[in-house]
Amino acid sequence: MNPQLVEHTAAVQRDLQLLDYPRRPWLSERRTKAGAPIYDVVIVGGGQSGLVTAFGLMRERVTNVLVLDQNPLDRAGPWLNFARMHTLRTPKYLTGPDLGIPSLTPRAWYESQHGPNSWETLGLVPKETWAAYLKWYRETLAIPVRPEARVGALQYLPEEACWEVPYDLHGAAHSAFARRVVLATGIEGSGAWTVPEFITSKLARTSYAHTRDDIDFDALRGKRIAVLGAGASAFDNASVALEKGAAEVRLCFRRAQLVNVNAYRWAEFVGFLAHFGELGDADKWRFIREILRMGQLPPTDTFHRATRHTNFHLMPSCPWFGVEQRGNVVVIDTPHGPVETDFIIAATGFVTDLKRRPELQHVEQHIARWGERYQPPANESHEDLARHPYLGPHFEFTEKKPGDAPHLSTLYNYTFGGLLSLGFGGASISGMKYSIPRLVSGITSSLFVEDRERHFHSLCTFSEREF
């Protein structure tokens, strides 16, 4: 760590001391009947959402916290894994992880190392820079992360009044116990990345990949590539393939032209970010459905990164009706006739489906979905939105049938699956400034209410004299 950053880190610690109120611990240590410690909160996922959730809780004196992440330390999230963009999509002026502490912002961290004017000349934030910031954030705030821990199916233990969180660590089975559990498992955290069945059922596994996959782009040198989809990841993967020497890339999409208006930029104002969760169900549905209908677009630099290659071809109004394997060649059936290619990259995102989440295997059948709570007008139906979990006001799961699984109120879904219930929260830097305090407040509130008898007894026996 360079001297300037050491000095800045000390300034962060000083700011935290100045804001350190109230200081008194308020949660009691608990153990299982067998003597195992019970955490107040276990957070599944050590990326930006998990780290900031942990910091938010620790600021409120919920310090008996553990973060579990399946990746090596400081490699959570997409940034150093499958992200193939050069920079974040998010505008650099957004705040969120700092939770209102200026010295903890990405800008303050960056300028401490590169000078007071460096942020203004930076442009968008490189993904490696963001990963380095998150590493510093974790270390500076002493957030307890247990890496390379793959979490399995959560189990609520009524006799212990806590969750068992099983996880595999280097091939050995372990369990953590927690009064509250937060799932901070990212953009696919309420479902799974998906490749259309008409591709998976017809092609050899060596003939296609999802943008989320670990793709050997060097092996695609000199090959013809077809990309299905027109979002940012489609252009990112097309660009990498071309930069690695692909013979050509055809990017195919249904729309007559690329989306060039970003609804997410529209949404970046206090009313929507802070108060979307107060809307009624019908309003929530129409807002989010319209944002999805408007579609996502590649950022300008991402678009130009791909289109500067003369062997890159945009193919609008080009849905795929089917694919066929002919030896090492794939033939794609399109409205413009057959297209031959050597390899397919599916930029087809993810599907919302709680049944596909290993963590929820024992409880998903009790979780309420939007399709069970709200029936939109026929012309506003949306299959994926109907599968979104119907969350409470603080990202907690709700019961499909009242009384069947009351413990679901102690399990929180801070993933992209909260979009319809509470707007931009999990997997979104844009909404973090407002969504993390909402999540943290819900957890601390529930812990206080649950412990109200102990606190009342503490009040009744309080005898600290003032004079």
Protein backbone atom coordinates (compact mmCIF):
# COMPACT_ATOMS: atom_id res chain seq x y z
CA MET A 1 0.00 0.00 0.00
CA ASN A 2 1.51 3.33 -1.02
CA PRO A 3 2.06 6.02 1.64
CA GLN A 4 -0.77 8.21 0.34
CA LEU A 5 -3.25 5.36 0.59
CA VAL A 6 -1.99 4.46 4.06
CA GLU A 7 -2.68 8.03 5.12
CA HIS A 8 -6.11 7.99 3.50
CA THR A 9 -7.00 4.68 5.18
CA ALA A 10 -6.13 6.26 8.52
CA ALA A 11 -8.47 9.14 7.65
CA VAL A 12 -11.29 6.66 7.04
CA GLN A 13 -10.68 5.12 10.45
CA ARG A 14 -10.78 8.59 11.97
CA ASP A 15 -14.11 9.34 10.25
CA LEU A 16 -15.55 6.10 11.56
CA GLN A 17 -14.48 7.02 15.09
CA LEU A 18 -16.15 10.43 14.78
CA LEU A 19 -19.40 8.78 13.69
CA ASP A 20 -19.26 5.96 16.23
CA TYR A 21 -22.58 6.38 18.02
CA PRO A 22 -24.19 4.60 19.74
CA ARG A 23 -21.28 2.49 20.86
CA ARG A 24 -22.95 0.08 23.27
CA PRO A 25 -23.31 -3.53 22.09
CA TRP A 26 -26.95 -4.60 22.09
CA LEU A 27 -27.04 -8.20 20.88
CA SER A 28 -26.29 -11.18 23.09
CA GLU A 29 -24.12 -14.13 22.19
CA ARG A 30 -26.08 -17.26 21.31
CA ARG A 31 -25.11 -20.88 20.82
CA THR A 32 -26.83 -24.00 19.60
CA LYS A 33 -27.74 -26.73 22.07
CA ALA A 34 -24.57 -28.50 20.95
CA GLY A 35 -22.50 -25.41 21.71
CA ALA A 36 -21.85 -24.10 18.20
CA PRO A 37 -21.80 -20.30 17.89
CA ILE A 38 -24.81 -18.65 16.25
CA TYR A 39 -24.02 -15.62 14.11
CA ASP A 40 -26.44 -12.75 14.17
CA VAL A 41 -26.21 -12.54 10.36
CA VAL A 42 -24.60 -14.72 7.71
CA ILE A 43 -24.28 -13.12 4.28
CA VAL A 44 -24.01 -15.42 1.27
CA GLY A 45 -21.94 -13.60 -1.35
CA GLY A 46 -18.83 -11.49 -0.86
CA GLY A 47 -19.13 -9.14 -3.82
CA GLN A 48 -20.05 -5.47 -3.60
CA SER A 49 -23.55 -6.19 -2.22
CA GLY A 50 -22.34 -8.58 0.45
CA LEU A 51 -19.49 -6.33 1.57
CA VAL A 52 -21.63 -3.21 1.85
CA THR A 53 -24.38 -5.12 3.66
CA ALA A 54 -21.81 -6.32 6.17
CA PHE A 55 -20.47 -2.79 6.69
CA GLY A 56 -23.99 -1.41 7.12
CA LEU A 57 -24.73 -3.98 9.80
CA MET A 58 -21.41 -3.47 11.57
CA ARG A 59 -22.06 0.29 11.76
CA GLU A 60 -25.28 -0.55 13.62
CA ARG A 61 -23.40 -2.73 16.12
CA VAL A 62 -24.37 -6.00 14.51
CA THR A 63 -20.79 -7.24 14.57
CA ASN A 64 -21.30 -10.99 14.90
CA VAL A 65 -21.41 -11.32 11.11
CA LEU A 66 -19.89 -13.75 8.63
CA VAL A 67 -19.65 -13.39 4.84
CA LEU A 68 -19.34 -16.59 2.79
CA ASP A 69 -18.20 -16.48 -0.82
CA GLN A 70 -17.47 -19.27 -3.27
CA ASN A 71 -14.59 -17.45 -5.00
CA PRO A 72 -11.00 -16.88 -3.90
CA LEU A 73 -10.57 -13.84 -1.67
CA ASP A 74 -11.27 -10.53 -3.43
CA ARG A 75 -12.38 -12.24 -6.63
CA ALA A 76 -16.11 -12.17 -5.91
CA GLY A 77 -18.46 -10.84 -8.52
CA PRO A 78 -17.82 -10.59 -12.25
CA TRP A 79 -14.99 -8.05 -12.33
CA LEU A 80 -11.98 -10.39 -12.35
CA ASN A 81 -13.89 -13.43 -13.55
CA PHE A 82 -16.28 -13.38 -16.53
CA ALA A 83 -16.66 -9.62 -17.05
CA ARG A 84 -15.18 -8.84 -20.47
CA MET A 85 -15.81 -5.11 -20.61
CA HIS A 86 -13.00 -2.63 -20.05
CA THR A 87 -14.94 -0.40 -17.66
CA LEU A 88 -18.01 -0.38 -15.42
CA ARG A 89 -21.29 0.62 -17.09
CA THR A 90 -22.23 2.66 -14.05
CA PRO A 91 -21.46 6.39 -14.13
CA LYS A 92 -18.52 7.08 -11.84
CA TYR A 93 -20.29 9.84 -9.91
CA LEU A 94 -22.70 7.39 -8.25
CA THR A 95 -22.16 6.68 -4.58
CA GLY A 96 -23.37 3.82 -2.43
CA PRO A 97 -20.70 1.63 -0.83
CA ASP A 98 -19.57 4.58 1.29
CA LEU A 99 -22.93 4.75 3.12
CA GLY A 100 -22.51 8.49 3.49
CA ILE A 101 -18.85 8.62 4.54
CA PRO A 102 -17.02 10.86 2.01
CA SER A 103 -13.56 9.39 2.66
CA LEU A 104 -14.92 5.93 1.84
CA THR A 105 -16.12 6.83 -1.66
CA PRO A 106 -14.36 5.41 -4.73
CA ARG A 107 -13.39 8.95 -5.70
CA ALA A 108 -11.66 9.68 -2.39
CA TRP A 109 -9.86 6.33 -2.55
CA TYR A 110 -8.72 6.93 -6.14
CA GLU A 111 -7.59 10.53 -5.63
CA SER A 112 -5.59 9.58 -2.55
CA GLN A 113 -3.35 7.56 -4.88
CA HIS A 114 -3.45 9.54 -8.13
CA GLY A 115 -3.93 13.15 -7.12
CA PRO A 116 -6.86 15.56 -6.63
CA ASN A 117 -7.66 16.00 -10.35
CA SER A 118 -7.24 12.36 -11.35
CA TRP A 119 -10.88 11.41 -10.91
CA GLU A 120 -12.09 14.06 -13.33
CA THR A 121 -9.82 12.74 -16.08
CA LEU A 122 -10.46 9.06 -15.41
CA GLY A 123 -13.54 8.51 -17.56
CA LEU A 124 -15.50 5.38 -16.68
CA VAL A 125 -14.01 3.25 -13.92
CA PRO A 126 -11.92 0.28 -15.19
CA LYS A 127 -13.21 -3.02 -13.86
CA GLU A 128 -9.81 -3.84 -12.33
CA THR A 129 -9.87 -0.50 -10.50
CA TRP A 130 -13.28 -1.32 -9.07
CA ALA A 131 -12.07 -4.73 -7.90
CA ALA A 132 -9.05 -3.08 -6.23
CA TYR A 133 -11.37 -0.59 -4.49
CA LEU A 134 -13.54 -3.42 -3.13
CA LYS A 135 -10.44 -5.20 -1.83
CA TRP A 136 -9.31 -2.06 -0.02
CA TYR A 137 -12.87 -1.55 1.25
CA ARG A 138 -12.94 -5.06 2.76
CA GLU A 139 -9.54 -4.70 4.38
CA THR A 140 -10.10 -1.19 5.72
CA LEU A 141 -13.44 -2.06 7.29
CA ALA A 142 -12.23 -5.48 8.57
CA ILE A 143 -15.18 -7.29 6.99
CA PRO A 144 -15.01 -11.01 7.88
CA VAL A 145 -15.09 -12.93 4.58
CA ARG A 146 -14.61 -16.68 4.34
CA PRO A 147 -13.62 -17.32 0.70
CA GLU A 148 -13.89 -20.50 -1.38
CA ALA A 149 -16.96 -21.53 0.63
CA ARG A 150 -19.74 -22.86 -1.59
CA VAL A 151 -23.09 -22.66 0.20
CA GLY A 152 -25.65 -25.43 -0.09
CA ALA A 153 -29.33 -25.73 0.85
CA LEU A 154 -30.29 -23.61 3.84
CA GLN A 155 -32.28 -25.32 6.57
CA TYR A 156 -34.27 -23.58 9.30
CA LEU A 157 -33.92 -25.21 12.71
CA PRO A 158 -36.97 -24.27 14.81
CA GLU A 159 -35.57 -25.88 17.96
CA GLU A 160 -32.54 -23.57 17.69
CA ALA A 161 -34.46 -20.56 16.29
CA CYS A 162 -31.82 -20.13 13.62
CA TRP A 163 -30.74 -21.13 10.12
CA GLU A 164 -28.18 -23.76 9.34
CA VAL A 165 -26.02 -22.59 6.43
CA PRO A 166 -24.09 -25.58 5.07
CA TYR A 167 -21.05 -24.93 2.94
CA ASP A 168 -18.20 -26.80 1.31
CA LEU A 169 -14.71 -25.50 2.02
CA HIS A 170 -11.87 -27.20 0.14
CA GLY A 171 -13.85 -30.43 -0.07
CA ALA A 172 -14.83 -30.52 3.60
CA ALA A 173 -18.42 -30.04 4.82
CA HIS A 174 -19.07 -27.25 7.33
CA SER A 175 -22.07 -25.43 8.75
CA ALA A 176 -22.59 -21.93 10.06
CA PHE A 177 -25.63 -21.04 12.15
CA ALA A 178 -27.36 -17.67 11.94
CA ARG A 179 -30.39 -15.81 13.22
CA ARG A 180 -30.66 -13.98 9.92
CA VAL A 181 -29.36 -14.85 6.45
CA VAL A 182 -28.88 -12.46 3.54
CA LEU A 183 -28.54 -13.82 0.02
CA ALA A 184 -26.31 -11.36 -1.83
CA THR A 185 -25.59 -13.65 -4.75
CA GLY A 186 -25.67 -11.18 -7.61
CA ILE A 187 -27.54 -10.70 -10.83
CA GLU A 188 -28.42 -14.38 -11.23
CA GLY A 189 -29.08 -14.82 -7.49
CA SER A 190 -32.79 -15.52 -7.98
CA GLY A 191 -32.33 -17.92 -10.88
CA ALA A 192 -29.62 -19.02 -13.25
CA TRP A 193 -27.79 -18.08 -16.41
CA THR A 194 -29.55 -19.69 -19.33
CA VAL A 195 -28.96 -20.83 -22.90
CA PRO A 196 -32.12 -21.45 -24.96
CA GLU A 197 -33.21 -25.08 -25.10
CA PHE A 198 -33.27 -25.06 -28.91
CA ILE A 199 -29.50 -24.59 -28.74
CA THR A 200 -28.62 -26.96 -25.89
CA SER A 201 -30.75 -29.78 -27.28
CA LYS A 202 -29.32 -29.63 -30.80
CA LEU A 203 -25.66 -28.75 -30.51
CA ALA A 204 -22.55 -30.37 -29.13
CA ARG A 205 -21.39 -28.68 -25.94
CA THR A 206 -18.18 -27.70 -27.73
CA SER A 207 -20.16 -25.65 -30.26
CA TYR A 208 -21.60 -23.02 -27.94
CA ALA A 209 -21.02 -21.07 -24.74
CA HIS A 210 -22.87 -18.58 -22.58
CA THR A 211 -21.26 -15.19 -22.00
CA ARG A 212 -20.97 -16.22 -18.34
CA ASP A 213 -18.80 -19.22 -19.26
CA ASP A 214 -15.02 -19.43 -19.17
CA ILE A 215 -14.53 -19.18 -22.95
CA ASP A 216 -11.23 -20.10 -24.59
CA PHE A 217 -11.11 -17.23 -27.08
CA ASP A 218 -7.66 -18.24 -28.32
CA ALA A 219 -9.22 -21.45 -29.63
CA LEU A 220 -11.66 -19.33 -31.67
CA ARG A 221 -8.92 -17.67 -33.72
CA GLY A 222 -9.81 -17.89 -37.40
CA LYS A 223 -13.34 -19.14 -36.60
CA ARG A 224 -16.71 -17.73 -37.56
CA ILE A 225 -18.68 -16.66 -34.48
CA ALA A 226 -22.40 -15.97 -34.13
CA VAL A 227 -23.63 -14.08 -31.06
CA LEU A 228 -27.28 -14.25 -30.00
CA GLY A 229 -28.34 -11.09 -28.18
CA ALA A 230 -27.63 -7.36 -28.31
CA GLY A 231 -26.93 -6.31 -24.73
CA ALA A 232 -23.63 -5.10 -23.37
CA SER A 233 -22.25 -8.61 -22.76
CA ALA A 234 -23.00 -9.57 -26.38
CA PHE A 235 -20.79 -6.73 -27.62
CA ASP A 236 -18.12 -7.43 -24.98
CA ASN A 237 -17.76 -11.06 -26.04
CA ALA A 238 -17.88 -10.18 -29.72
CA SER A 239 -15.08 -7.68 -29.16
CA VAL A 240 -12.86 -10.14 -27.32
CA ALA A 241 -13.38 -12.75 -30.04
CA LEU A 242 -12.40 -10.24 -32.73
CA GLU A 243 -9.42 -8.99 -30.75
CA LYS A 244 -8.27 -12.60 -30.41
CA GLY A 245 -8.40 -13.11 -34.16
CA ALA A 246 -11.85 -14.51 -34.99
CA ALA A 247 -12.50 -14.54 -38.75
CA GLU A 248 -15.86 -12.81 -38.31
CA VAL A 249 -18.55 -12.15 -35.73
CA ARG A 250 -22.23 -11.85 -36.55
CA LEU A 251 -24.33 -10.34 -33.79
CA CYS A 252 -28.00 -11.26 -34.23
CA PHE A 253 -30.98 -9.74 -32.44
CA ARG A 254 -34.77 -9.56 -32.77
CA ARG A 255 -35.34 -5.82 -32.75
CA ALA A 256 -35.33 -3.82 -35.98
CA GLN A 257 -32.62 -1.60 -34.52
CA LEU A 258 -30.40 -1.40 -31.47
CA VAL A 259 -31.75 0.13 -28.30
CA ASN A 260 -30.15 3.57 -27.91
CA VAL A 261 -32.04 4.94 -24.89
CA ASN A 262 -30.99 3.74 -21.43
CA ALA A 263 -33.97 3.48 -19.08
CA TYR A 264 -31.60 2.87 -16.18
CA ARG A 265 -30.23 6.39 -16.57
CA TRP A 266 -33.81 7.73 -16.38
CA ALA A 267 -34.30 5.88 -13.09
CA GLU A 268 -31.37 7.53 -11.33
CA PHE A 269 -33.27 10.08 -9.26
CA VAL A 270 -34.22 10.14 -5.59
CA GLY A 271 -37.93 9.51 -6.08
CA PHE A 272 -37.47 6.24 -7.94
CA LEU A 273 -34.35 4.95 -6.20
CA ALA A 274 -35.51 5.70 -2.66
CA HIS A 275 -39.27 5.26 -2.87
CA PHE A 276 -40.12 2.74 -5.57
CA GLY A 277 -40.83 0.23 -2.80
CA GLU A 278 -43.71 2.37 -1.54
CA LEU A 279 -45.69 2.01 -4.77
CA GLY A 280 -48.63 -0.35 -5.05
CA ASP A 281 -48.29 -3.62 -6.92
CA ALA A 282 -49.90 -2.38 -10.13
CA ASP A 283 -47.55 0.60 -10.32
CA LYS A 284 -44.49 -1.50 -9.52
CA TRP A 285 -45.44 -3.91 -12.27
CA ARG A 286 -45.96 -1.29 -14.97
CA PHE A 287 -42.78 0.63 -14.16
CA ILE A 288 -40.49 -2.41 -14.19
CA ARG A 289 -42.24 -4.01 -17.16
CA GLU A 290 -41.73 -0.80 -19.14
CA ILE A 291 -38.04 -0.64 -18.20
CA LEU A 292 -37.62 -4.21 -19.40
CA ARG A 293 -39.63 -3.52 -22.57
CA MET A 294 -37.38 -0.57 -23.41
CA GLY A 295 -34.44 -2.97 -23.25
CA GLN A 296 -30.78 -2.64 -22.43
CA LEU A 297 -28.17 -1.21 -24.75
CA PRO A 298 -24.40 -1.44 -25.05
CA PRO A 299 -22.63 1.67 -23.71
CA THR A 300 -21.12 3.91 -26.38
CA ASP A 301 -17.54 2.77 -25.83
CA THR A 302 -18.64 -0.88 -25.84
CA PHE A 303 -20.49 -0.35 -29.13
CA HIS A 304 -17.49 1.31 -30.78
CA ARG A 305 -15.09 -1.32 -29.45
CA ALA A 306 -16.92 -3.94 -31.54
CA THR A 307 -17.97 -1.94 -34.58
CA ARG A 308 -14.48 -0.66 -35.32
CA HIS A 309 -13.72 -4.15 -36.66
CA THR A 310 -14.55 -4.54 -40.35
CA ASN A 311 -15.35 -8.21 -39.82
CA PHE A 312 -18.06 -7.42 -37.25
CA HIS A 313 -21.60 -7.61 -38.62
CA LEU A 314 -24.79 -6.41 -36.94
CA MET A 315 -27.84 -8.42 -37.96
CA PRO A 316 -31.07 -6.72 -36.78
CA SER A 317 -34.51 -8.33 -37.22
CA CYS A 318 -32.74 -11.65 -37.03
CA PRO A 319 -34.31 -14.01 -34.49
CA TRP A 320 -33.13 -17.61 -34.56
CA PHE A 321 -35.78 -20.19 -35.41
CA GLY A 322 -33.49 -23.15 -34.82
CA VAL A 323 -29.96 -24.52 -35.11
CA GLU A 324 -28.49 -27.66 -36.63
CA GLN A 325 -25.15 -29.36 -36.12
CA ARG A 326 -23.43 -30.43 -39.35
CA GLY A 327 -20.08 -31.85 -38.38
CA ASN A 328 -18.08 -28.97 -36.91
CA VAL A 329 -20.35 -26.39 -38.54
CA VAL A 330 -23.51 -24.94 -37.00
CA VAL A 331 -26.31 -23.85 -39.33
CA ILE A 332 -28.69 -21.22 -37.92
CA ASP A 333 -32.21 -20.85 -39.31
CA THR A 334 -33.01 -17.12 -39.60
CA PRO A 335 -35.56 -14.97 -41.48
CA HIS A 336 -32.75 -14.03 -43.88
CA GLY A 337 -31.90 -17.62 -44.71
CA PRO A 338 -29.42 -20.08 -43.19
CA VAL A 339 -26.30 -18.71 -41.52
CA GLU A 340 -23.27 -20.97 -41.14
CA THR A 341 -20.94 -20.49 -38.22
CA ASP A 342 -18.30 -22.38 -36.26
CA PHE A 343 -19.24 -21.34 -32.73
CA ILE A 344 -22.18 -19.72 -30.94
CA ILE A 345 -22.01 -17.34 -27.99
CA ALA A 346 -25.36 -16.98 -26.23
CA ALA A 347 -25.73 -13.53 -24.71
CA THR A 348 -29.11 -14.59 -23.37
CA GLY A 349 -28.79 -13.51 -19.75
CA PHE A 350 -30.52 -15.35 -16.96
CA VAL A 351 -33.92 -16.67 -16.03
CA THR A 352 -35.67 -15.89 -12.74
CA ASP A 353 -36.47 -19.24 -11.13
CA LEU A 354 -36.01 -19.83 -7.40
CA LYS A 355 -36.17 -23.59 -7.99
CA ARG A 356 -32.76 -23.34 -9.63
CA ARG A 357 -31.08 -21.83 -6.57
CA PRO A 358 -29.21 -24.46 -4.49
CA GLU A 359 -29.49 -22.31 -1.35
CA LEU A 360 -33.31 -22.41 -1.50
CA GLN A 361 -33.82 -26.10 -2.20
CA HIS A 362 -35.57 -26.74 1.13
CA VAL A 363 -37.69 -23.57 1.25
CA GLU A 364 -38.51 -22.35 -2.27
CA GLN A 365 -41.86 -24.18 -2.29
CA HIS A 366 -43.03 -21.91 0.55
CA ILE A 367 -41.86 -18.63 -1.03
CA ALA A 368 -44.47 -16.33 -2.58
CA ARG A 369 -43.97 -15.25 -6.18
CA TRP A 370 -45.43 -12.22 -7.88
CA GLY A 371 -47.58 -14.41 -10.12
CA GLU A 372 -49.36 -15.65 -6.98
CA ARG A 373 -49.97 -12.18 -5.52
CA TYR A 374 -50.74 -9.97 -8.51
CA GLN A 375 -52.58 -10.53 -11.78
CA PRO A 376 -51.67 -7.88 -14.38
CA PRO A 377 -53.91 -6.88 -17.27
CA ALA A 378 -53.69 -9.37 -20.15
CA ASN A 379 -51.68 -6.95 -22.29
CA GLU A 380 -49.12 -6.46 -19.50
CA SER A 381 -48.29 -10.11 -18.77
CA HIS A 382 -44.64 -11.02 -18.35
CA GLU A 383 -43.59 -14.60 -17.62
CA ASP A 384 -40.26 -13.82 -16.00
CA LEU A 385 -41.61 -11.05 -13.77
CA ALA A 386 -44.34 -13.38 -12.56
CA ARG A 387 -41.60 -15.68 -11.21
CA HIS A 388 -39.93 -12.91 -9.19
CA PRO A 389 -40.11 -13.42 -5.43
CA TYR A 390 -42.73 -11.24 -3.76
CA LEU A 391 -40.59 -9.58 -1.11
CA GLY A 392 -41.46 -7.65 2.02
CA PRO A 393 -40.43 -4.01 2.57
CA HIS A 394 -36.88 -4.90 3.66
CA PHE A 395 -36.01 -7.57 1.03
CA GLU A 396 -37.30 -10.41 3.20
CA PHE A 397 -39.03 -13.38 1.55
CA THR A 398 -42.75 -13.75 2.22
CA GLU A 399 -44.82 -16.89 2.63
CA LYS A 400 -46.88 -18.35 -0.17
CA LYS A 401 -49.40 -19.54 2.43
CA PRO A 402 -49.50 -17.51 5.67
CA GLY A 403 -48.41 -19.57 8.65
CA ASP A 404 -46.63 -22.30 6.70
CA ALA A 405 -43.12 -20.85 6.92
CA PRO A 406 -42.92 -17.77 9.18
CA HIS A 407 -39.14 -18.17 9.36
CA LEU A 408 -38.92 -16.85 5.77
CA SER A 409 -39.16 -13.35 7.25
CA THR A 410 -35.61 -13.87 8.55
CA LEU A 411 -34.22 -14.74 5.10
CA TYR A 412 -33.41 -11.78 2.86
CA ASN A 413 -33.07 -11.70 -0.92
CA TYR A 414 -30.68 -8.88 -1.79
CA THR A 415 -30.25 -9.98 -5.40
CA PHE A 416 -31.48 -8.78 -8.79
CA GLY A 417 -34.63 -10.76 -8.01
CA GLY A 418 -35.74 -7.89 -5.77
CA LEU A 419 -36.16 -5.62 -8.80
CA LEU A 420 -39.94 -5.87 -9.04
CA SER A 421 -40.60 -5.61 -5.30
CA LEU A 422 -38.12 -2.89 -4.34
CA GLY A 423 -36.44 -1.53 -7.46
CA PHE A 424 -32.68 -1.20 -7.93
CA GLY A 425 -31.11 -3.06 -5.03
CA GLY A 426 -29.04 -6.23 -5.19
CA ALA A 427 -26.54 -6.39 -8.07
CA SER A 428 -26.93 -2.66 -8.72
CA ILE A 429 -24.57 0.09 -7.64
CA SER A 430 -27.21 2.61 -8.75
CA GLY A 431 -29.64 1.86 -5.94
CA MET A 432 -27.21 0.88 -3.20
CA LYS A 433 -27.33 4.29 -1.49
CA TYR A 434 -30.97 3.69 -0.59
CA SER A 435 -31.42 -0.08 -0.67
CA ILE A 436 -28.66 -1.05 1.78
CA PRO A 437 -30.06 1.17 4.59
CA ARG A 438 -33.51 -0.32 3.89
CA LEU A 439 -32.11 -3.85 4.18
CA VAL A 440 -30.03 -3.10 7.27
CA SER A 441 -32.91 -1.35 9.01
CA GLY A 442 -35.15 -4.34 8.40
CA ILE A 443 -32.61 -6.71 9.94
CA THR A 444 -31.87 -4.58 13.01
CA SER A 445 -35.57 -3.93 13.54
CA SER A 446 -36.41 -7.63 13.45
CA LEU A 447 -33.58 -8.49 15.84
CA PHE A 448 -34.71 -5.86 18.34
CA VAL A 449 -38.35 -6.94 18.20
CA GLU A 450 -37.38 -10.58 18.62
CA ASP A 451 -35.28 -9.71 21.68
CA ARG A 452 -37.77 -7.27 23.20
CA GLU A 453 -38.30 -9.31 26.41
CA ARG A 454 -34.57 -9.39 27.10
CA HIS A 455 -34.33 -5.65 26.46
CA PHE A 456 -37.30 -4.97 28.74
CA HIS A 457 -35.69 -7.00 31.49
CA SER A 458 -32.47 -5.03 30.93
CA LEU A 459 -34.44 -1.80 31.33
CA CYS A 460 -36.12 -2.97 34.51
CA THR A 461 -32.82 -3.95 36.09
CA PHE A 462 -30.85 -0.94 34.86
CA SER A 463 -29.13 0.70 37.85
CA GLU A 464 -26.29 2.79 36.52
CA ARG A 465 -26.23 5.95 38.66
CA GLU A 466 -25.60 9.38 37.20
CA PHE A 467 -24.59 10.93 40.56
